């Protein structure tokens, strides 16, 4: 039973982690596609969330460390530094309340 409680606790903590306004906005901006850092930045600005790029990089790194998003490659344009491309690694976190099984899709 303790293992199930730990799994549920971990799931709740993960949901709390992603359900902050900046992180939730980043997840929604990425959506089903692969998006570049600049595209994500512009999308969240369109939604009314203002943040410095350094804060965006921090949240992208945190979401990546948590296994929610992953880097999908690089885009090279204009001779500058390559832009990172991001995609969702996890689209759903589900809990079976009877068995306690936690699944991710």
Protein backbone atom coordinates (compact mmCIF):
# COMPACT_ATOMS: atom_id res chain seq x y z
CA UNK A 1 0.00 0.00 0.00
CA UNK A 2 2.85 2.38 0.74
CA UNK A 3 4.12 2.02 -2.82
CA UNK A 4 0.72 3.07 -4.20
CA UNK A 5 0.63 6.06 -1.86
CA UNK A 6 4.12 7.05 -2.98
CA UNK A 7 3.09 6.75 -6.64
CA UNK A 8 0.01 8.89 -6.09
CA UNK A 9 2.03 11.42 -4.11
CA UNK A 10 4.63 11.59 -6.90
CA UNK A 11 1.90 12.08 -9.50
CA UNK A 12 0.31 14.87 -7.48
CA UNK A 13 3.67 16.60 -7.06
CA UNK A 14 4.33 16.32 -10.79
CA UNK A 15 0.94 17.82 -11.62
CA UNK A 16 1.53 20.67 -9.14
CA UNK A 17 4.92 21.24 -10.77
CA UNK A 18 3.50 21.67 -14.29
CA UNK A 19 0.42 23.57 -13.18
CA UNK A 20 2.23 26.84 -12.58
CA UNK A 21 1.16 29.57 -15.00
CA UNK A 22 4.45 29.82 -16.92
CA UNK A 23 4.93 26.06 -17.27
CA UNK A 24 1.30 25.41 -18.19
CA UNK A 25 1.53 28.14 -20.85
CA UNK A 26 4.70 26.57 -22.27
CA UNK A 27 3.06 23.14 -22.44
CA UNK A 28 0.01 24.61 -24.21
CA UNK A 29 2.27 26.55 -26.61
CA UNK A 30 4.12 23.39 -27.62
CA UNK A 31 0.89 21.41 -28.00
CA UNK A 32 0.96 18.46 -30.39
CA UNK A 33 3.78 19.89 -32.50
CA UNK A 34 7.49 20.47 -32.25
CA UNK A 35 8.17 24.14 -31.54
CA UNK A 36 11.29 26.24 -31.46
CA UNK A 37 12.18 28.31 -28.42
CA UNK A 38 11.34 31.52 -30.29
CA UNK A 39 7.94 30.16 -31.36
CA UNK A 40 7.15 29.24 -27.75
CA UNK A 41 8.23 32.67 -26.56
CA UNK A 42 6.04 34.45 -29.13
CA UNK A 43 3.05 32.19 -28.42
CA UNK A 44 3.09 32.81 -24.66
CA UNK A 45 3.48 36.56 -25.29
CA UNK A 46 0.38 36.42 -27.53
CA UNK A 47 -1.46 34.76 -24.64
CA UNK A 48 -0.54 37.72 -22.42
CA UNK A 49 2.23 36.15 -20.35
CA UNK A 50 5.26 38.43 -20.20
CA UNK A 51 8.55 36.95 -19.07
CA UNK A 52 12.20 37.49 -19.86
CA UNK A 53 13.77 34.95 -22.20
CA UNK A 54 16.05 33.84 -19.37
CA UNK A 55 12.95 32.83 -17.38
CA UNK A 56 11.60 30.91 -20.37
CA UNK A 57 14.91 29.03 -20.65
CA UNK A 58 14.71 28.21 -16.93
CA UNK A 59 11.18 26.79 -17.26
CA UNK A 60 12.05 24.83 -20.42
CA UNK A 61 15.01 23.30 -18.60
CA UNK A 62 12.86 22.48 -15.55
CA UNK A 63 10.17 20.83 -17.69
CA UNK A 64 12.85 18.86 -19.51
CA UNK A 65 14.45 17.72 -16.23
CA UNK A 66 11.01 16.58 -15.03
CA UNK A 67 10.54 14.51 -18.19
CA UNK A 68 7.51 16.49 -19.39
CA UNK A 69 9.16 17.90 -22.53
CA UNK A 70 12.24 16.92 -24.50
CA UNK A 71 14.53 18.55 -26.96
CA UNK A 72 13.68 17.33 -30.46
CA UNK A 73 16.64 18.81 -32.28
CA UNK A 74 17.95 22.12 -33.54
CA UNK A 75 16.94 24.62 -36.19
CA UNK A 76 19.75 26.52 -37.87
CA UNK A 77 18.76 29.77 -39.53
CA UNK A 78 20.52 33.01 -40.31
CA UNK A 79 24.01 31.95 -39.33
CA UNK A 80 23.46 32.52 -35.60
CA UNK A 81 23.32 29.99 -32.80
CA UNK A 82 21.02 27.03 -33.53
CA UNK A 83 17.56 27.24 -31.98
CA UNK A 84 16.43 24.34 -29.80
CA UNK A 85 13.27 22.53 -30.84
CA UNK A 86 10.97 21.15 -28.15
CA UNK A 87 8.16 18.59 -28.02
CA UNK A 88 6.01 17.09 -25.31
CA UNK A 89 7.29 13.82 -23.92
CA UNK A 90 4.21 13.28 -21.76
CA UNK A 91 0.75 14.28 -22.95
CA UNK A 92 -1.28 12.56 -20.25
CA UNK A 93 -0.73 11.46 -16.66
CA UNK A 94 -3.42 9.01 -15.55
CA UNK A 95 -4.16 7.33 -12.23
CA UNK A 96 -6.24 4.20 -11.77
CA UNK A 97 -7.72 4.88 -8.34
CA UNK A 98 -8.49 1.20 -7.70
CA UNK A 99 -5.16 -0.36 -8.60
CA UNK A 100 -3.04 2.72 -7.89
CA UNK A 101 -1.32 2.30 -11.24
CA UNK A 102 0.06 5.54 -12.69
CA UNK A 103 0.53 5.71 -16.46
CA UNK A 104 1.88 8.34 -18.79
CA UNK A 105 1.14 8.77 -22.46
